N, C-alpha and C. Protein backbone atom coordinates (compact mmCIF):
# COMPACT_ATOMS: atom_id res chain seq x y z
N MET A 1 8.21 -0.22 -42.42
CA MET A 1 8.30 -1.06 -41.24
C MET A 1 6.90 -1.30 -40.69
N SER A 2 6.54 -2.54 -40.44
CA SER A 2 5.22 -2.89 -39.97
C SER A 2 5.19 -2.93 -38.44
N ASN A 3 4.10 -2.44 -37.87
CA ASN A 3 3.94 -2.44 -36.42
C ASN A 3 3.17 -3.66 -35.92
N LYS A 4 2.82 -4.58 -36.81
CA LYS A 4 2.07 -5.76 -36.40
C LYS A 4 3.00 -6.74 -35.69
N HIS A 5 2.47 -7.34 -34.63
CA HIS A 5 3.23 -8.32 -33.87
C HIS A 5 3.07 -9.71 -34.49
N SER A 6 4.11 -10.49 -34.39
CA SER A 6 4.04 -11.85 -34.92
C SER A 6 3.27 -12.74 -33.96
N LEU A 7 2.83 -13.86 -34.46
CA LEU A 7 2.08 -14.81 -33.64
C LEU A 7 2.92 -15.30 -32.47
N GLN A 8 4.23 -15.48 -32.69
CA GLN A 8 5.10 -15.95 -31.61
C GLN A 8 5.19 -14.91 -30.48
N GLU A 9 5.24 -13.64 -30.83
CA GLU A 9 5.30 -12.58 -29.81
C GLU A 9 4.01 -12.53 -29.00
N ILE A 10 2.88 -12.69 -29.66
CA ILE A 10 1.60 -12.68 -28.97
C ILE A 10 1.49 -13.88 -28.04
N GLU A 11 1.88 -15.05 -28.52
CA GLU A 11 1.81 -16.26 -27.68
C GLU A 11 2.76 -16.14 -26.49
N ALA A 12 3.93 -15.56 -26.69
CA ALA A 12 4.88 -15.38 -25.59
C ALA A 12 4.31 -14.45 -24.54
N ALA A 13 3.62 -13.39 -24.97
CA ALA A 13 3.02 -12.45 -24.02
C ALA A 13 1.89 -13.11 -23.24
N GLU A 14 1.14 -13.99 -23.89
CA GLU A 14 0.04 -14.68 -23.21
C GLU A 14 0.54 -15.72 -22.22
N LYS A 15 1.79 -16.17 -22.35
CA LYS A 15 2.33 -17.18 -21.45
C LYS A 15 2.86 -16.57 -20.16
N LYS A 16 2.94 -15.25 -20.09
CA LYS A 16 3.43 -14.61 -18.86
C LYS A 16 2.45 -14.90 -17.73
N PRO A 17 2.94 -14.99 -16.51
CA PRO A 17 2.04 -15.27 -15.38
C PRO A 17 1.00 -14.17 -15.19
N LEU A 18 -0.15 -14.57 -14.65
CA LEU A 18 -1.23 -13.63 -14.42
C LEU A 18 -0.79 -12.52 -13.47
N TRP A 19 -0.04 -12.86 -12.42
CA TRP A 19 0.37 -11.83 -11.46
C TRP A 19 1.25 -10.78 -12.12
N GLN A 20 2.04 -11.19 -13.12
CA GLN A 20 2.91 -10.24 -13.80
C GLN A 20 2.09 -9.30 -14.69
N ARG A 21 1.11 -9.86 -15.39
CA ARG A 21 0.26 -9.03 -16.24
C ARG A 21 -0.59 -8.08 -15.39
N LEU A 22 -1.11 -8.57 -14.25
CA LEU A 22 -1.88 -7.70 -13.36
C LEU A 22 -0.99 -6.65 -12.72
N GLY A 23 0.27 -7.00 -12.47
CA GLY A 23 1.22 -6.04 -11.91
C GLY A 23 1.45 -4.87 -12.87
N TRP A 24 1.59 -5.18 -14.15
CA TRP A 24 1.74 -4.11 -15.14
C TRP A 24 0.50 -3.24 -15.17
N LEU A 25 -0.67 -3.86 -15.14
CA LEU A 25 -1.92 -3.11 -15.15
C LEU A 25 -2.00 -2.18 -13.94
N ALA A 26 -1.68 -2.70 -12.76
CA ALA A 26 -1.72 -1.89 -11.54
C ALA A 26 -0.68 -0.78 -11.59
N GLY A 27 0.51 -1.08 -12.10
CA GLY A 27 1.56 -0.07 -12.19
C GLY A 27 1.18 1.07 -13.11
N ILE A 28 0.60 0.74 -14.25
CA ILE A 28 0.16 1.79 -15.18
C ILE A 28 -0.95 2.62 -14.56
N TRP A 29 -1.89 1.96 -13.86
CA TRP A 29 -2.98 2.68 -13.21
C TRP A 29 -2.45 3.63 -12.14
N VAL A 30 -1.55 3.14 -11.29
CA VAL A 30 -0.97 3.98 -10.24
C VAL A 30 -0.21 5.16 -10.85
N GLY A 31 0.52 4.90 -11.91
CA GLY A 31 1.26 5.97 -12.58
C GLY A 31 0.33 7.04 -13.15
N SER A 32 -0.78 6.63 -13.73
CA SER A 32 -1.71 7.61 -14.29
C SER A 32 -2.41 8.41 -13.19
N VAL A 33 -2.76 7.76 -12.08
CA VAL A 33 -3.37 8.48 -10.97
C VAL A 33 -2.37 9.47 -10.37
N LEU A 34 -1.12 9.07 -10.23
CA LEU A 34 -0.09 9.97 -9.72
C LEU A 34 0.12 11.16 -10.65
N ALA A 35 0.15 10.92 -11.95
CA ALA A 35 0.31 12.01 -12.91
C ALA A 35 -0.86 12.99 -12.83
N LEU A 36 -2.08 12.47 -12.70
CA LEU A 36 -3.25 13.32 -12.57
C LEU A 36 -3.18 14.14 -11.30
N PHE A 37 -2.73 13.54 -10.20
CA PHE A 37 -2.60 14.26 -8.93
C PHE A 37 -1.59 15.40 -9.06
N ILE A 38 -0.47 15.14 -9.73
CA ILE A 38 0.56 16.17 -9.90
C ILE A 38 0.02 17.33 -10.73
N VAL A 39 -0.65 17.03 -11.84
CA VAL A 39 -1.20 18.08 -12.70
C VAL A 39 -2.25 18.89 -11.94
N ALA A 40 -3.14 18.21 -11.22
CA ALA A 40 -4.18 18.91 -10.47
C ALA A 40 -3.56 19.78 -9.37
N SER A 41 -2.53 19.29 -8.70
CA SER A 41 -1.87 20.07 -7.65
C SER A 41 -1.19 21.31 -8.22
N LEU A 42 -0.54 21.16 -9.38
CA LEU A 42 0.09 22.32 -10.01
C LEU A 42 -0.95 23.35 -10.44
N MET A 43 -2.06 22.89 -10.99
CA MET A 43 -3.11 23.83 -11.38
C MET A 43 -3.67 24.56 -10.16
N ARG A 44 -3.87 23.84 -9.08
CA ARG A 44 -4.37 24.47 -7.85
C ARG A 44 -3.37 25.48 -7.31
N MET A 45 -2.08 25.14 -7.36
CA MET A 45 -1.05 26.04 -6.88
C MET A 45 -1.04 27.33 -7.71
N PHE A 46 -1.10 27.20 -9.05
CA PHE A 46 -1.10 28.38 -9.91
C PHE A 46 -2.37 29.21 -9.73
N MET A 47 -3.49 28.56 -9.53
CA MET A 47 -4.74 29.31 -9.31
C MET A 47 -4.69 30.06 -7.99
N ASN A 48 -4.15 29.42 -6.95
CA ASN A 48 -4.00 30.11 -5.66
C ASN A 48 -3.04 31.29 -5.78
N ALA A 49 -1.96 31.11 -6.54
CA ALA A 49 -0.99 32.20 -6.73
C ALA A 49 -1.61 33.37 -7.47
N ALA A 50 -2.59 33.09 -8.34
CA ALA A 50 -3.25 34.14 -9.10
C ALA A 50 -4.39 34.79 -8.32
N GLY A 51 -4.62 34.32 -7.10
CA GLY A 51 -5.68 34.90 -6.27
C GLY A 51 -7.03 34.27 -6.44
N LEU A 52 -7.11 33.14 -7.10
CA LEU A 52 -8.37 32.45 -7.28
C LEU A 52 -8.56 31.43 -6.16
N THR A 53 -9.27 31.84 -5.11
CA THR A 53 -9.49 30.96 -3.97
C THR A 53 -10.97 30.74 -3.78
N THR A 54 -11.34 29.74 -2.99
CA THR A 54 -12.73 29.42 -2.76
C THR A 54 -13.28 30.07 -1.48
N HIS A 55 -12.45 30.78 -0.76
CA HIS A 55 -12.93 31.42 0.46
C HIS A 55 -12.58 32.87 0.53
């Protein structure tokens, strides 16, 4: 099975409105920032539970 996209699929994707494409970009960015925040918060929580504090 080939993972290459056909020319029709590429042209259809390029015809989508700019606001929709930018919306996807912003959504993915927000999702990645949120995921990073969650991971960092969990790491901080575990470090505090282990007695590793800055003060």
